[in-house]
Amino acid sequence: MRVRATVSYDGGPFHGFAVNEGVRTVAGDLDATLSRVIGTPVVVTCAGRTDRGVHAVGQVVSFDAPDDTDLGRVRRSVNSLCGPSVVLRSLERSDDDFDARFTATGRSYRYQVLNRQDPDPFLAATAWHVTVPLDVDAMQSAADHLVGEHDFTSFCRRRKVAPGAVEVNLVRRIETVAWRGPDDAGLLEFAITAKSFCHQMVRSIVGTLVEVGQGKRPAEGIPAVLAARARHAAASPAPPHGLVLWSVRYPDA
């Protein structure tokens, strides 16, 4: 049977989601633990690969298991063995053609920025500490230019393309963007939703918007950054530890 799971994890101890020989990854832990618990080789497919240090609240994975598998027992066992770094929030049988990656119709990410002079030891692993006061209104105005369909080459890390291979299409459609806060502790949150994102896109967007908030670039300059289609036109990516894959949308949701 095809199984669908929602997974939360602290990305700090891992070198990203995807299996990578010689280093610890989320998929590596899940594959090994699920295979041990179920008693047959398991390879998970995820909705979106996260980079080293990036967290997830609502990552979704799919995999195949024998029809008589007790999913309740599997969930309890995996959480006991992998928690608290990796936790299965839900585990259920799905349609045979369900694929965590290709069936998805949308993905939402959130990024936290702690904007105050003093650091917070309890947020150090999940928020980017920025001491310069940020103009949140300017950051939102800049973010609004990203909504809709654009070529995000300026915001994406290009993967190496084999000789003769077709260049990856970096056109994406952003559905929503929003800055929330700051709260009383100085915590800001950036939320963004699209069908899909390219490599380091969200972190590069956040890094660029923070520069707007610092007064280093104008909010109205974002269309020119998009039009440049050059990575150097945007800012460096924000640190990975502030980013969370928040949720994944499917047609049945």
C-alpha atoms as a PDB file:
ATOM      1  CA  MET A   1       0.000   0.000   0.000  1.00  0.00           C
ATOM      2  CA  ARG A   2       1.010   3.629  -0.510  1.00  0.00           C
ATOM      3  CA  VAL A   3       1.498   5.485   2.772  1.00  0.00           C
ATOM      4  CA  ARG A   4       1.346   9.226   3.358  1.00  0.00           C
ATOM      5  CA  ALA A   5       3.005  10.852   6.376  1.00  0.00           C
ATOM      6  CA  THR A   6       3.345  14.375   7.735  1.00  0.00           C
ATOM      7  CA  VAL A   7       6.762  14.910   9.283  1.00  0.00           C
ATOM      8  CA  SER A   8       8.202  17.577  11.580  1.00  0.00           C
ATOM      9  CA  TYR A   9      11.914  17.910  12.188  1.00  0.00           C
ATOM     10  CA  ASP A  10      14.634  20.080  13.642  1.00  0.00           C
ATOM     11  CA  GLY A  11      17.006  20.596  10.740  1.00  0.00           C
ATOM     12  CA  GLY A  12      19.937  21.558  12.952  1.00  0.00           C
ATOM     13  CA  PRO A  13      21.512  18.086  13.296  1.00  0.00           C
ATOM     14  CA  PHE A  14      21.013  17.167   9.639  1.00  0.00           C
ATOM     15  CA  HIS A  15      22.813  17.833   6.357  1.00  0.00           C
ATOM     16  CA  GLY A  16      19.510  18.469   4.594  1.00  0.00           C
ATOM     17  CA  PHE A  17      16.606  16.158   3.809  1.00  0.00           C
ATOM     18  CA  ALA A  18      17.850  14.056   0.893  1.00  0.00           C
ATOM     19  CA  VAL A  19      19.988  10.970   1.425  1.00  0.00           C
ATOM     20  CA  ASN A  20      23.660  11.911   1.164  1.00  0.00           C
ATOM     21  CA  GLU A  21      26.272   9.209   1.620  1.00  0.00           C
ATOM     22  CA  GLY A  22      28.519   9.752   4.620  1.00  0.00           C
ATOM     23  CA  VAL A  23      26.456  12.403   6.417  1.00  0.00           C
ATOM     24  CA  ARG A  24      23.291  12.335   8.512  1.00  0.00           C
ATOM     25  CA  THR A  25      20.109  13.415   6.702  1.00  0.00           C
ATOM     26  CA  VAL A  26      16.397  13.367   7.510  1.00  0.00           C
ATOM     27  CA  ALA A  27      15.582  10.914   4.709  1.00  0.00           C
ATOM     28  CA  GLY A  28      18.506   8.745   5.738  1.00  0.00           C
ATOM     29  CA  ASP A  29      17.155   8.449   9.281  1.00  0.00           C
ATOM     30  CA  LEU A  30      13.592   7.876   8.085  1.00  0.00           C
ATOM     31  CA  ASP A  31      14.536   5.246   5.492  1.00  0.00           C
ATOM     32  CA  ALA A  32      16.650   3.315   7.967  1.00  0.00           C
ATOM     33  CA  THR A  33      14.134   3.484  10.823  1.00  0.00           C
ATOM     34  CA  LEU A  34      11.057   2.712   8.731  1.00  0.00           C
ATOM     35  CA  SER A  35      12.857  -0.222   7.108  1.00  0.00           C
ATOM     36  CA  ARG A  36      13.780  -1.562  10.537  1.00  0.00           C
ATOM     37  CA  VAL A  37      10.306  -1.125  12.016  1.00  0.00           C
ATOM     38  CA  ILE A  38       8.344  -2.413   9.000  1.00  0.00           C
ATOM     39  CA  GLY A  39      10.787  -5.199   8.188  1.00  0.00           C
ATOM     40  CA  THR A  40      11.195  -4.406   4.499  1.00  0.00           C
ATOM     41  CA  PRO A  41      13.278  -1.792   2.610  1.00  0.00           C
ATOM     42  CA  VAL A  42      11.599   1.633   2.586  1.00  0.00           C
ATOM     43  CA  VAL A  43      12.571   4.703   0.546  1.00  0.00           C
ATOM     44  CA  VAL A  44      10.616   7.895   1.203  1.00  0.00           C
ATOM     45  CA  THR A  45       9.688  10.569  -1.344  1.00  0.00           C
ATOM     46  CA  CYS A  46       9.286  14.097   0.055  1.00  0.00           C
ATOM     47  CA  ALA A  47       7.202  17.088  -0.985  1.00  0.00           C
ATOM     48  CA  GLY A  48      10.201  19.409  -0.922  1.00  0.00           C
ATOM     49  CA  ARG A  49      13.880  18.828  -0.217  1.00  0.00           C
ATOM     50  CA  THR A  50      15.146  21.126   2.512  1.00  0.00           C
ATOM     51  CA  ASP A  51      18.753  22.271   2.792  1.00  0.00           C
ATOM     52  CA  ARG A  52      21.126  21.717   5.680  1.00  0.00           C
ATOM     53  CA  GLY A  53      19.803  23.390   8.838  1.00  0.00           C
ATOM     54  CA  VAL A  54      16.291  24.091   7.492  1.00  0.00           C
ATOM     55  CA  HIS A  55      13.398  22.894   9.652  1.00  0.00           C
ATOM     56  CA  ALA A  56       9.925  21.528   8.879  1.00  0.00           C
ATOM     57  CA  VAL A  57       6.562  21.555  10.607  1.00  0.00           C
ATOM     58  CA  GLY A  58       4.535  20.054   7.772  1.00  0.00           C
ATOM     59  CA  GLN A  59       6.841  18.160   5.448  1.00  0.00           C
ATOM     60  CA  VAL A  60       4.979  15.358   3.653  1.00  0.00           C
ATOM     61  CA  VAL A  61       6.498  12.055   2.551  1.00  0.00           C
ATOM     62  CA  SER A  62       5.136   8.997   0.768  1.00  0.00           C
ATOM     63  CA  PHE A  63       6.392   5.423   0.637  1.00  0.00           C
ATOM     64  CA  ASP A  64       5.219   1.872   0.024  1.00  0.00           C
ATOM     65  CA  ALA A  65       4.644  -0.736   2.731  1.00  0.00           C
ATOM     66  CA  PRO A  66       3.075  -4.206   2.947  1.00  0.00           C
ATOM     67  CA  ASP A  67      -0.732  -4.158   3.047  1.00  0.00           C
ATOM     68  CA  ASP A  68      -0.879  -5.649   6.540  1.00  0.00           C
ATOM     69  CA  THR A  69       1.383  -2.992   8.110  1.00  0.00           C
ATOM     70  CA  ASP A  70       0.054  -1.624  11.420  1.00  0.00           C
ATOM     71  CA  LEU A  71       0.536   2.096  10.803  1.00  0.00           C
ATOM     72  CA  GLY A  72      -0.281   3.033  14.394  1.00  0.00           C
ATOM     73  CA  ARG A  73       2.524   0.807  15.653  1.00  0.00           C
ATOM     74  CA  VAL A  74       4.889   2.127  12.993  1.00  0.00           C
ATOM     75  CA  ARG A  75       4.216   5.731  14.006  1.00  0.00           C
ATOM     76  CA  ARG A  76       4.767   5.041  17.694  1.00  0.00           C
ATOM     77  CA  SER A  77       7.967   3.104  17.031  1.00  0.00           C
ATOM     78  CA  VAL A  78       9.460   5.664  14.657  1.00  0.00           C
ATOM     79  CA  ASN A  79       8.698   8.544  17.020  1.00  0.00           C
ATOM     80  CA  SER A  80      10.271   6.638  19.878  1.00  0.00           C
ATOM     81  CA  LEU A  81      13.423   5.952  17.864  1.00  0.00           C
ATOM     82  CA  CYS A  82      13.754   9.259  15.970  1.00  0.00           C
ATOM     83  CA  GLY A  83      12.103  11.797  18.261  1.00  0.00           C
ATOM     84  CA  PRO A  84      12.387  14.559  19.152  1.00  0.00           C
ATOM     85  CA  SER A  85      14.574  15.482  16.147  1.00  0.00           C
ATOM     86  CA  VAL A  86      12.192  13.816  13.678  1.00  0.00           C
ATOM     87  CA  VAL A  87       8.522  13.125  14.447  1.00  0.00           C
ATOM     88  CA  LEU A  88       5.738  11.570  12.379  1.00  0.00           C
ATOM     89  CA  ARG A  89       2.735  13.819  13.029  1.00  0.00           C
ATOM     90  CA  SER A  90       0.419  11.612  10.994  1.00  0.00           C
ATOM     91  CA  LEU A  91       0.643   8.329   9.107  1.00  0.00           C
ATOM     92  CA  GLU A  92      -2.150   7.022   6.897  1.00  0.00           C
ATOM     93  CA  ARG A  93      -2.934   4.889   3.888  1.00  0.00           C
ATOM     94  CA  SER A  94      -3.401   6.927   0.714  1.00  0.00           C
ATOM     95  CA  ASP A  95      -4.437   6.406  -2.896  1.00  0.00           C
ATOM     96  CA  ASP A  96      -2.048   4.177  -4.824  1.00  0.00           C
ATOM     97  CA  ASP A  97      -1.122   7.033  -7.179  1.00  0.00           C
ATOM     98  CA  PHE A  98      -0.346   9.537  -4.412  1.00  0.00           C
ATOM     99  CA  ASP A  99       3.152  11.014  -4.628  1.00  0.00           C
ATOM    100  CA  ALA A 100       4.285  13.474  -1.951  1.00  0.00           C
ATOM    101  CA  ARG A 101       6.166  15.551  -4.511  1.00  0.00           C
ATOM    102  CA  PHE A 102       4.200  15.382  -7.734  1.00  0.00           C
ATOM    103  CA  THR A 103       0.673  15.384  -6.267  1.00  0.00           C
ATOM    104  CA  ALA A 104       1.348  18.576  -4.300  1.00  0.00           C
ATOM    105  CA  THR A 105      -0.346  21.769  -5.525  1.00  0.00           C
ATOM    106  CA  GLY A 106       1.290  24.245  -3.150  1.00  0.00           C
ATOM    107  CA  ARG A 107       3.996  24.699  -0.540  1.00  0.00           C
ATOM    108  CA  SER A 108       4.207  27.269   2.245  1.00  0.00           C
ATOM    109  CA  TYR A 109       7.348  28.391   4.040  1.00  0.00           C
ATOM    110  CA  ARG A 110       7.872  30.665   7.025  1.00  0.00           C
ATOM    111  CA  TYR A 111      11.008  32.515   8.068  1.00  0.00           C
ATOM    112  CA  GLN A 112      11.654  34.067  11.482  1.00  0.00           C
ATOM    113  CA  VAL A 113      13.758  37.170  12.135  1.00  0.00           C
ATOM    114  CA  LEU A 114      14.546  38.343  15.655  1.00  0.00           C
ATOM    115  CA  ASN A 115      14.868  42.111  15.264  1.00  0.00           C
ATOM    116  CA  ARG A 116      16.264  43.569  18.477  1.00  0.00           C
ATOM    117  CA  GLN A 117      19.610  44.388  20.037  1.00  0.00           C
ATOM    118  CA  ASP A 118      19.925  41.419  22.377  1.00  0.00           C
ATOM    119  CA  PRO A 119      19.929  37.775  21.248  1.00  0.00           C
ATOM    120  CA  ASP A 120      17.547  35.183  22.671  1.00  0.00           C
ATOM    121  CA  PRO A 121      19.027  31.787  23.615  1.00  0.00           C
ATOM    122  CA  PHE A 122      15.655  30.104  23.070  1.00  0.00           C
ATOM    123  CA  LEU A 123      15.327  31.455  19.503  1.00  0.00           C
ATOM    124  CA  ALA A 124      18.973  31.149  18.452  1.00  0.00           C
ATOM    125  CA  ALA A 125      18.339  27.887  16.564  1.00  0.00           C
ATOM    126  CA  THR A 126      15.152  29.001  14.800  1.00  0.00           C
ATOM    127  CA  ALA A 127      15.441  32.732  14.047  1.00  0.00           C
ATOM    128  CA  TRP A 128      17.929  35.020  12.272  1.00  0.00           C
ATOM    129  CA  HIS A 129      19.106  37.656  14.752  1.00  0.00           C
ATOM    130  CA  VAL A 130      19.236  41.084  13.048  1.00  0.00           C
ATOM    131  CA  THR A 131      20.185  43.972  15.342  1.00  0.00           C
ATOM    132  CA  VAL A 132      19.579  46.871  12.916  1.00  0.00           C
ATOM    133  CA  PRO A 133      15.960  48.149  13.224  1.00  0.00           C
ATOM    134  CA  LEU A 134      13.946  47.028  10.201  1.00  0.00           C
ATOM    135  CA  ASP A 135      11.297  48.979   8.288  1.00  0.00           C
ATOM    136  CA  VAL A 136       8.620  46.294   8.064  1.00  0.00           C
ATOM    137  CA  ASP A 137       6.314  48.417   5.890  1.00  0.00           C
ATOM    138  CA  ALA A 138       9.083  48.802   3.310  1.00  0.00           C
ATOM    139  CA  MET A 139       9.782  45.070   3.443  1.00  0.00           C
ATOM    140  CA  GLN A 140       6.122  44.283   2.801  1.00  0.00           C
ATOM    141  CA  SER A 141       5.978  46.797  -0.042  1.00  0.00           C
ATOM    142  CA  ALA A 142       9.026  45.148  -1.601  1.00  0.00           C
ATOM    143  CA  ALA A 143       7.580  41.657  -1.106  1.00  0.00           C
ATOM    144  CA  ASP A 144       4.359  42.636  -2.878  1.00  0.00           C
ATOM    145  CA  HIS A 145       6.330  42.980  -6.137  1.00  0.00           C
ATOM    146  CA  LEU A 146       7.064  39.248  -5.995  1.00  0.00           C
ATOM    147  CA  VAL A 147       3.439  38.118  -6.189  1.00  0.00           C
ATOM    148  CA  GLY A 148       2.495  36.586  -9.524  1.00  0.00           C
ATOM    149  CA  GLU A 149       4.519  34.747 -12.160  1.00  0.00           C
ATOM    150  CA  HIS A 150       8.140  35.827 -12.581  1.00  0.00           C
ATOM    151  CA  ASP A 151      11.521  34.501 -13.599  1.00  0.00           C
ATOM    152  CA  PHE A 152      13.301  34.083 -10.242  1.00  0.00           C
ATOM    153  CA  THR A 153      16.785  33.485 -11.649  1.00  0.00           C
ATOM    154  CA  SER A 154      18.127  36.355  -9.514  1.00  0.00           C
ATOM    155  CA  PHE A 155      16.931  34.610  -6.355  1.00  0.00           C
ATOM    156  CA  CYS A 156      17.875  31.016  -7.120  1.00  0.00           C
ATOM    157  CA  ARG A 157      21.064  29.041  -6.850  1.00  0.00           C
ATOM    158  CA  ARG A 158      21.654  27.435 -10.216  1.00  0.00           C
ATOM    159  CA  ARG A 159      22.439  23.741 -10.135  1.00  0.00           C
ATOM    160  CA  LYS A 160      25.115  22.450 -12.485  1.00  0.00           C
ATOM    161  CA  VAL A 161      23.689  21.343 -15.817  1.00  0.00           C
ATOM    162  CA  ALA A 162      25.305  18.497 -17.715  1.00  0.00           C
ATOM    163  CA  PRO A 163      26.657  19.352 -21.185  1.00  0.00           C
ATOM    164  CA  GLY A 164      23.833  19.229 -23.706  1.00  0.00           C
ATOM    165  CA  ALA A 165      21.130  19.189 -21.012  1.00  0.00           C
ATOM    166  CA  VAL A 166      18.266  21.692 -20.971  1.00  0.00           C
ATOM    167  CA  GLU A 167      18.574  24.617 -18.546  1.00  0.00           C
ATOM    168  CA  VAL A 168      16.220  24.418 -15.572  1.00  0.00           C
ATOM    169  CA  ASN A 169      13.186  26.700 -15.841  1.00  0.00           C
ATOM    170  CA  LEU A 170      13.239  29.165 -12.927  1.00  0.00           C
ATOM    171  CA  VAL A 171       9.837  30.735 -13.574  1.00  0.00           C
ATOM    172  CA  ARG A 172       7.600  30.436 -10.521  1.00  0.00           C
ATOM    173  CA  ARG A 173       4.207  31.826  -9.475  1.00  0.00           C
ATOM    174  CA  ILE A 174       4.041  33.304  -5.982  1.00  0.00           C
ATOM    175  CA  GLU A 175       0.536  33.170  -4.512  1.00  0.00           C
ATOM    176  CA  THR A 176       0.932  35.081  -1.238  1.00  0.00           C
ATOM    177  CA  VAL A 177       3.622  36.909   0.743  1.00  0.00           C
ATOM    178  CA  ALA A 178       3.266  38.538   4.156  1.00  0.00           C
ATOM    179  CA  TRP A 179       5.419  39.929   6.939  1.00  0.00           C
ATOM    180  CA  ARG A 180       3.885  39.604  10.414  1.00  0.00           C
ATOM    181  CA  GLY A 181       5.035  41.394  13.564  1.00  0.00           C
ATOM    182  CA  PRO A 182       7.139  42.389  15.280  1.00  0.00           C
ATOM    183  CA  ASP A 183       5.672  40.996  18.484  1.00  0.00           C
ATOM    184  CA  ASP A 184       6.629  42.255  21.945  1.00  0.00           C
ATOM    185  CA  ALA A 185       9.854  40.231  21.798  1.00  0.00           C
ATOM    186  CA  GLY A 186      10.862  41.716  18.433  1.00  0.00           C
ATOM    187  CA  LEU A 187      10.091  38.570  16.454  1.00  0.00           C
ATOM    188  CA  LEU A 188       9.112  38.951  12.789  1.00  0.00           C
ATOM    189  CA  GLU A 189       7.740  36.207  10.557  1.00  0.00           C
ATOM    190  CA  PHE A 190       7.737  36.077   6.769  1.00  0.00           C
ATOM    191  CA  ALA A 191       5.230  33.732   5.107  1.00  0.00           C
ATOM    192  CA  ILE A 192       5.249  32.778   1.426  1.00  0.00           C
ATOM    193  CA  THR A 193       3.227  30.306  -0.662  1.00  0.00           C
ATOM    194  CA  ALA A 194       3.724  28.992  -4.196  1.00  0.00           C
ATOM    195  CA  LYS A 195       3.206  25.771  -6.089  1.00  0.00           C
ATOM    196  CA  SER A 196       6.962  25.231  -6.005  1.00  0.00           C
ATOM    197  CA  PHE A 197      10.247  27.002  -5.294  1.00  0.00           C
ATOM    198  CA  CYS A 198      13.736  26.733  -6.741  1.00  0.00           C
ATOM    199  CA  HIS A 199      16.926  26.131  -4.760  1.00  0.00           C
ATOM    200  CA  GLN A 200      17.559  28.751  -2.013  1.00  0.00           C
ATOM    201  CA  MET A 201      14.779  30.941  -3.419  1.00  0.00           C
ATOM    202  CA  VAL A 202      13.007  31.698  -0.145  1.00  0.00           C
ATOM    203  CA  ARG A 203      16.209  32.414   1.751  1.00  0.00           C
ATOM    204  CA  SER A 204      17.452  34.702  -1.037  1.00  0.00           C
ATOM    205  CA  ILE A 205      14.148  36.565  -1.017  1.00  0.00           C
ATOM    206  CA  VAL A 206      14.341  37.035   2.753  1.00  0.00           C
ATOM    207  CA  GLY A 207      17.945  38.225   2.548  1.00  0.00           C
ATOM    208  CA  THR A 208      16.977  40.794  -0.083  1.00  0.00           C
ATOM    209  CA  LEU A 209      13.895  41.989   1.814  1.00  0.00           C
ATOM    210  CA  VAL A 210      15.933  42.434   4.996  1.00  0.00           C
ATOM    211  CA  GLU A 211      18.323  44.663   3.046  1.00  0.00           C
ATOM    212  CA  VAL A 212      15.285  46.730   2.065  1.00  0.00           C
ATOM    213  CA  GLY A 213      14.286  46.909   5.714  1.00  0.00           C
ATOM    214  CA  GLN A 214      17.784  48.096   6.615  1.00  0.00           C
ATOM    215  CA  GLY A 215      17.599  50.849   3.990  1.00  0.00           C
ATOM    216  CA  LYS A 216      20.335  49.275   1.841  1.00  0.00           C
ATOM    217  CA  ARG A 217      18.083  49.012  -1.224  1.00  0.00           C
ATOM    218  CA  PRO A 218      14.730  50.569  -2.208  1.00  0.00           C
ATOM    219  CA  ALA A 219      11.461  48.639  -2.027  1.00  0.00           C
ATOM    220  CA  GLU A 220      10.628  49.732  -5.569  1.00  0.00           C
ATOM    221  CA  GLY A 221      13.858  48.178  -6.820  1.00  0.00           C
ATOM    222  CA  ILE A 222      12.581  44.583  -6.651  1.00  0.00           C
ATOM    223  CA  PRO A 223      11.188  44.549 -10.225  1.00  0.00           C
ATOM    224  CA  ALA A 224      14.685  45.504 -11.474  1.00  0.00           C
ATOM    225  CA  VAL A 225      16.198  42.648  -9.452  1.00  0.00           C
ATOM    226  CA  LEU A 226      13.772  40.222 -11.096  1.00  0.00           C
ATOM    227  CA  ALA A 227      14.430  41.666 -14.555  1.00  0.00           C
ATOM    228  CA  ALA A 228      18.206  41.332 -14.141  1.00  0.00           C
ATOM    229  CA  ARG A 229      17.980  37.518 -14.075  1.00  0.00           C
ATOM    230  CA  ALA A 230      21.379  37.460 -12.418  1.00  0.00           C
ATOM    231  CA  ARG A 231      22.164  36.040  -8.982  1.00  0.00           C
ATOM    232  CA  HIS A 232      24.360  39.012  -8.020  1.00  0.00           C
ATOM    233  CA  ALA A 233      21.385  41.378  -8.380  1.00  0.00           C
ATOM    234  CA  ALA A 234      19.791  40.011  -5.188  1.00  0.00           C
ATOM    235  CA  ALA A 235      21.230  39.697  -1.674  1.00  0.00           C
ATOM    236  CA  SER A 236      22.961  36.663  -0.209  1.00  0.00           C
ATOM    237  CA  PRO A 237      20.620  34.026   1.217  1.00  0.00           C
ATOM    238  CA  ALA A 238      19.394  34.457   4.770  1.00  0.00           C
ATOM    239  CA  PRO A 239      20.778  31.842   7.202  1.00  0.00           C
ATOM    240  CA  PRO A 240      19.088  28.425   6.901  1.00  0.00           C
ATOM    241  CA  HIS A 241      18.102  28.038  10.565  1.00  0.00           C
ATOM    242  CA  GLY A 242      15.339  30.659  10.332  1.00  0.00           C
ATOM    243  CA  LEU A 243      13.463  28.787   7.583  1.00  0.00           C
ATOM    244  CA  VAL A 244      10.641  26.292   8.111  1.00  0.00           C
ATOM    245  CA  LEU A 245       8.722  24.255   5.535  1.00  0.00           C
ATOM    246  CA  TRP A 246       5.355  25.002   7.091  1.00  0.00           C
ATOM    247  CA  SER A 247       2.803  23.064   5.053  1.00  0.00           C
ATOM    248  CA  VAL A 248       2.099  21.308   1.764  1.00  0.00           C
ATOM    249  CA  ARG A 249      -1.193  21.549  -0.106  1.00  0.00           C
ATOM    250  CA  TYR A 250      -2.867  18.694  -1.991  1.00  0.00           C
ATOM    251  CA  PRO A 251      -6.025  18.484  -4.115  1.00  0.00           C
ATOM    252  CA  ASP A 252      -7.912  16.698  -1.331  1.00  0.00           C
ATOM    253  CA  ALA A 253      -7.224  19.482   1.201  1.00  0.00           C
END
